[in-house]
Amino acid sequence: MVGLCEDRTTLLDLVAVEADDERLGGRVAQDLEGLHDALGDGDAGRDAAEDVDEDALDLLVTVDGEPLVDPDWPDEVLLDTSSADKRDRIVGLVGEWIRGCADAGFDAVEFDNLDSFTRSEGVLDVAGNLALATAYVEVAHGAGLAAGQKNAAEYARTLRDRAGFDFAVVEECAAYTECGAYTDVYGDAVVDIEYTDNLPRDWAEVCADPATPRSVVLRDRDLTTPGDPDHVFETC
């Protein structure tokens, strides 16, 4: 399941929620914005950055003295993975969330925006992000949690082999013809979410395609709940 809680949880093997969602425990992967500072819905990133604790402001990527807003996610700014000291401090903060997930009864965590360096205007690089990702996985494993890669198809092999990720949660791999990049690395340990507004072909054809991961769900883009006229939830 992706989105708000529904009365479907007894029928599902996997439920995914955001890290601050306290409504579910067990059989759940929590989504952590491990390479972003997610600063609220609808606020401009630079304005929302004012809400960050003053002693953590230097953990944000800045350009010309201003927090760099991720062009793909305009309400979020990037975490600075460029030095070992900053990575250690970030892990100190995020590590508490990871262990909190374990204490709450979750089975796994997934880490998003692992490719934030590609949108950092050259401030970050793959080595820094990989080092932080590796540290996250170590904390997760130490807490008894599986660690999931979120998207970033072109780095799947590296993230599995060098950072130690256990599975992948991906969006629209059928739409963008990149499912194989994940399944070649993780086998059946791939969960794919496709969206109704970007289906490459009929849903039945997507399901019949051997390249489609075994665990796949079709959702409406806004992740509405049952009763909403736009609500879609289909599996193969």
Protein backbone atom coordinates (compact mmCIF):
# COMPACT_ATOMS: atom_id res chain seq x y z
CA MET A 1 0.00 0.00 0.00
CA VAL A 2 1.17 3.52 -0.72
CA GLY A 3 -0.58 6.51 0.78
CA LEU A 4 -2.84 7.05 3.76
CA CYS A 5 -3.96 4.16 5.90
CA GLU A 6 -6.84 2.14 4.49
CA ASP A 7 -8.90 -0.79 5.69
CA ARG A 8 -6.81 -3.09 3.51
CA THR A 9 -3.93 -3.87 5.81
CA THR A 10 -5.10 -7.37 6.74
CA LEU A 11 -4.99 -8.31 3.05
CA LEU A 12 -1.49 -7.06 2.34
CA ASP A 13 1.99 -8.41 2.91
CA LEU A 14 3.62 -4.99 2.74
CA VAL A 15 2.50 -1.56 3.85
CA ALA A 16 4.68 1.51 3.33
CA VAL A 17 4.23 4.73 5.29
CA GLU A 18 6.21 7.89 5.94
CA ALA A 19 8.54 7.91 8.91
CA ASP A 20 6.24 10.15 10.95
CA ASP A 21 3.15 7.97 10.46
CA GLU A 22 2.39 6.38 13.84
CA ARG A 23 -0.74 4.49 12.82
CA LEU A 24 0.79 1.19 11.81
CA GLY A 25 3.41 -1.21 13.12
CA GLY A 26 4.75 -4.51 11.79
CA ARG A 27 4.86 -5.68 8.15
CA VAL A 28 5.80 -2.12 7.31
CA ALA A 29 8.64 -0.34 5.58
CA GLN A 30 9.10 3.23 6.72
CA ASP A 31 10.23 5.84 4.20
CA LEU A 32 13.08 8.05 5.41
CA GLU A 33 14.19 11.14 3.51
CA GLY A 34 17.79 10.21 4.22
CA LEU A 35 19.46 12.56 1.75
CA HIS A 36 16.98 15.40 2.07
CA ASP A 37 15.74 17.62 4.82
CA ALA A 38 11.99 17.37 4.16
CA LEU A 39 10.66 20.64 5.42
CA GLY A 40 6.92 20.49 5.06
CA ASP A 41 4.30 20.50 2.36
CA GLY A 42 3.84 23.57 0.22
CA ASP A 43 6.48 25.78 1.83
CA ALA A 44 9.28 27.10 -0.31
CA GLY A 45 12.48 25.30 0.60
CA ARG A 46 14.45 28.41 1.54
CA ASP A 47 11.66 29.68 3.79
CA ALA A 48 11.16 26.29 5.39
CA ALA A 49 14.91 26.01 6.03
CA GLU A 50 14.41 28.66 8.70
CA ASP A 51 12.70 25.97 10.79
CA VAL A 52 15.86 23.86 10.97
CA ASP A 53 17.70 23.94 14.29
CA GLU A 54 20.42 26.55 14.13
CA ASP A 55 23.14 24.08 15.07
CA ALA A 56 22.17 21.89 12.10
CA LEU A 57 21.99 24.56 9.40
CA ASP A 58 25.51 23.77 8.23
CA LEU A 59 24.30 20.26 7.36
CA LEU A 60 22.35 21.72 4.44
CA VAL A 61 23.87 22.24 1.01
CA THR A 62 24.19 25.97 0.34
CA VAL A 63 24.96 27.91 -2.83
CA ASP A 64 25.83 31.60 -2.55
CA GLY A 65 24.92 31.46 1.12
CA GLU A 66 21.41 30.10 0.59
CA PRO A 67 20.09 26.55 1.11
CA LEU A 68 19.94 24.74 -2.21
CA VAL A 69 16.39 23.71 -3.00
CA ASP A 70 16.10 20.41 -4.83
CA PRO A 71 14.72 21.29 -8.27
CA ASP A 72 12.76 18.02 -8.31
CA TRP A 73 11.23 18.62 -4.86
CA PRO A 74 10.77 22.37 -4.33
CA ASP A 75 9.73 22.06 -0.67
CA GLU A 76 12.93 20.21 0.26
CA VAL A 77 16.58 21.11 0.57
CA LEU A 78 19.60 18.82 0.29
CA LEU A 79 21.69 17.42 3.11
CA ASP A 80 25.42 18.01 2.77
CA THR A 81 27.21 14.66 2.45
CA SER A 82 30.53 16.19 1.39
CA SER A 83 32.58 15.56 4.54
CA ALA A 84 32.99 12.73 7.04
CA ASP A 85 32.19 15.09 9.94
CA LYS A 86 28.88 16.18 8.42
CA ARG A 87 27.96 12.62 7.48
CA ASP A 88 28.61 11.50 11.05
CA ARG A 89 26.39 14.25 12.41
CA ILE A 90 23.63 13.42 9.93
CA VAL A 91 23.79 9.75 10.87
CA GLY A 92 23.55 10.79 14.51
CA LEU A 93 20.23 12.46 13.76
CA VAL A 94 18.75 10.02 11.25
CA GLY A 95 20.03 7.04 13.20
CA GLU A 96 17.60 7.92 15.97
CA TRP A 97 14.72 7.72 13.47
CA ILE A 98 15.97 4.37 12.19
CA ARG A 99 16.20 2.85 15.65
CA GLY A 100 12.83 4.38 16.46
CA CYS A 101 11.35 2.47 13.53
CA ALA A 102 12.71 -0.76 14.97
CA ASP A 103 11.36 0.07 18.43
CA ALA A 104 7.93 0.75 16.87
CA GLY A 105 7.82 -2.74 15.39
CA PHE A 106 8.64 -2.00 11.76
CA ASP A 107 10.44 -4.57 9.63
CA ALA A 108 12.36 -2.30 7.27
CA VAL A 109 13.24 1.23 6.29
CA GLU A 110 13.72 2.65 2.80
CA PHE A 111 15.94 5.60 1.96
CA ASP A 112 14.94 8.12 -0.68
CA ASN A 113 16.86 10.63 -2.78
CA LEU A 114 20.05 8.59 -2.85
CA ASP A 115 21.00 10.40 -6.06
CA SER A 116 20.69 13.90 -4.60
CA PHE A 117 24.26 14.63 -5.71
CA THR A 118 23.03 14.74 -9.31
CA ARG A 119 20.95 17.84 -8.41
CA SER A 120 23.46 19.57 -6.14
CA GLU A 121 25.11 21.93 -8.66
CA GLY A 122 28.39 20.10 -8.15
CA VAL A 123 28.53 20.50 -4.37
CA LEU A 124 28.05 16.78 -3.68
CA ASP A 125 29.40 13.66 -5.33
CA VAL A 126 28.53 9.99 -5.51
CA ALA A 127 31.25 9.03 -3.02
CA GLY A 128 29.80 11.18 -0.25
CA ASN A 129 26.25 9.96 -0.82
CA LEU A 130 27.40 6.35 -0.97
CA ALA A 131 29.31 6.73 2.29
CA LEU A 132 26.22 8.13 4.02
CA ALA A 133 23.99 5.46 2.52
CA THR A 134 26.38 2.78 3.77
CA ALA A 135 26.25 4.23 7.26
CA TYR A 136 22.44 4.25 7.18
CA VAL A 137 22.37 0.59 6.16
CA GLU A 138 24.76 -0.31 8.97
CA VAL A 139 22.51 1.42 11.51
CA ALA A 140 19.42 -0.29 10.08
CA HIS A 141 21.00 -3.73 10.13
CA GLY A 142 22.29 -3.10 13.62
CA ALA A 143 18.72 -2.39 14.68
CA GLY A 144 17.45 -5.57 13.05
CA LEU A 145 15.84 -3.84 10.07
CA ALA A 146 16.13 -4.52 6.37
CA ALA A 147 17.29 -1.49 4.38
CA GLY A 148 15.68 -0.51 1.10
CA GLN A 149 16.88 1.57 -1.82
CA LYS A 150 14.28 4.02 -3.15
CA ASN A 151 14.53 4.68 -6.90
CA ALA A 152 17.94 5.68 -8.42
CA ALA A 153 17.95 2.79 -10.93
CA GLU A 154 21.35 3.53 -12.43
CA TYR A 155 23.02 3.11 -9.02
CA ALA A 156 21.26 -0.08 -7.94
CA ARG A 157 24.25 -2.38 -8.38
CA THR A 158 26.56 -0.04 -6.48
CA LEU A 159 24.05 0.53 -3.70
CA ARG A 160 23.50 -3.20 -3.27
CA ASP A 161 27.12 -4.32 -3.55
CA ARG A 162 28.85 -1.47 -1.72
CA ALA A 163 26.26 0.00 0.62
CA GLY A 164 24.53 -3.31 1.40
CA PHE A 165 20.90 -2.54 0.62
CA ASP A 166 18.54 -5.51 0.86
CA PHE A 167 15.65 -4.55 -1.42
CA ALA A 168 14.34 -1.75 -3.60
CA VAL A 169 11.14 0.28 -3.58
CA VAL A 170 10.75 1.92 -6.97
CA GLU A 171 8.32 4.13 -8.81
CA GLU A 172 7.30 3.74 -12.44
CA CYS A 173 10.00 1.33 -13.52
CA ALA A 174 7.59 -0.05 -16.14
CA ALA A 175 6.79 3.44 -17.39
CA TYR A 176 10.48 4.24 -17.79
CA THR A 177 11.62 0.76 -18.90
CA GLU A 178 14.05 0.34 -16.03
CA CYS A 179 12.60 -2.54 -13.99
CA GLY A 180 15.45 -4.79 -15.06
CA ALA A 181 17.96 -2.43 -13.48
CA TYR A 182 16.43 -3.35 -10.13
CA THR A 183 15.42 -6.99 -10.61
CA ASP A 184 18.83 -7.89 -12.05
CA VAL A 185 20.28 -6.76 -8.72
CA TYR A 186 17.59 -7.55 -6.15
CA GLY A 187 15.67 -10.38 -7.82
CA ASP A 188 12.16 -10.62 -6.39
CA ALA A 189 13.00 -8.15 -3.60
CA VAL A 190 11.63 -5.22 -5.61
CA VAL A 191 8.38 -3.37 -4.93
CA ASP A 192 7.15 -1.22 -7.81
CA ILE A 193 4.48 1.49 -7.80
CA GLU A 194 3.00 2.59 -11.12
CA TYR A 195 0.65 5.54 -11.54
CA THR A 196 -2.51 5.82 -13.60
CA ASP A 197 -1.46 9.07 -15.30
CA ASN A 198 1.74 7.60 -16.72
CA LEU A 199 1.00 3.99 -17.65
CA PRO A 200 2.97 2.99 -20.75
CA ARG A 201 0.27 0.50 -21.80
CA ASP A 202 -2.78 -1.32 -20.49
CA TRP A 203 -2.41 -2.48 -16.86
CA ALA A 204 -3.05 -6.09 -17.83
CA GLU A 205 -0.14 -5.88 -20.27
CA VAL A 206 2.10 -4.42 -17.58
CA CYS A 207 1.16 -7.32 -15.30
CA ALA A 208 1.82 -9.88 -18.03
CA ASP A 209 5.24 -8.45 -18.85
CA PRO A 210 7.95 -10.72 -17.37
CA ALA A 211 10.08 -7.63 -16.75
CA THR A 212 7.54 -6.26 -14.26
CA PRO A 213 8.48 -7.01 -10.62
CA ARG A 214 6.30 -9.58 -8.91
CA SER A 215 5.31 -7.04 -6.27
CA VAL A 216 3.63 -4.19 -8.12
CA VAL A 217 0.71 -1.89 -7.44
CA LEU A 218 -1.16 0.67 -9.54
CA ARG A 219 -2.13 3.87 -7.73
CA ASP A 220 -3.58 7.24 -8.56
CA ARG A 221 -0.94 9.97 -8.43
CA ASP A 222 -2.45 11.75 -5.44
CA LEU A 223 -2.67 8.53 -3.40
CA THR A 224 -6.29 9.08 -2.51
CA THR A 225 -8.25 6.80 -0.20
CA PRO A 226 -11.33 4.65 -0.89
CA GLY A 227 -14.43 6.71 -1.47
CA ASP A 228 -12.58 9.38 -3.40
CA PRO A 229 -13.68 9.37 -7.06
CA ASP A 230 -10.05 9.41 -8.18
CA HIS A 231 -9.00 6.49 -6.00
CA VAL A 232 -7.23 3.62 -7.78
CA PHE A 233 -5.63 0.61 -6.11
CA GLU A 234 -4.90 -2.42 -8.28
CA THR A 235 -2.46 -5.30 -8.09
CA CYS A 236 -1.61 -7.95 -10.63
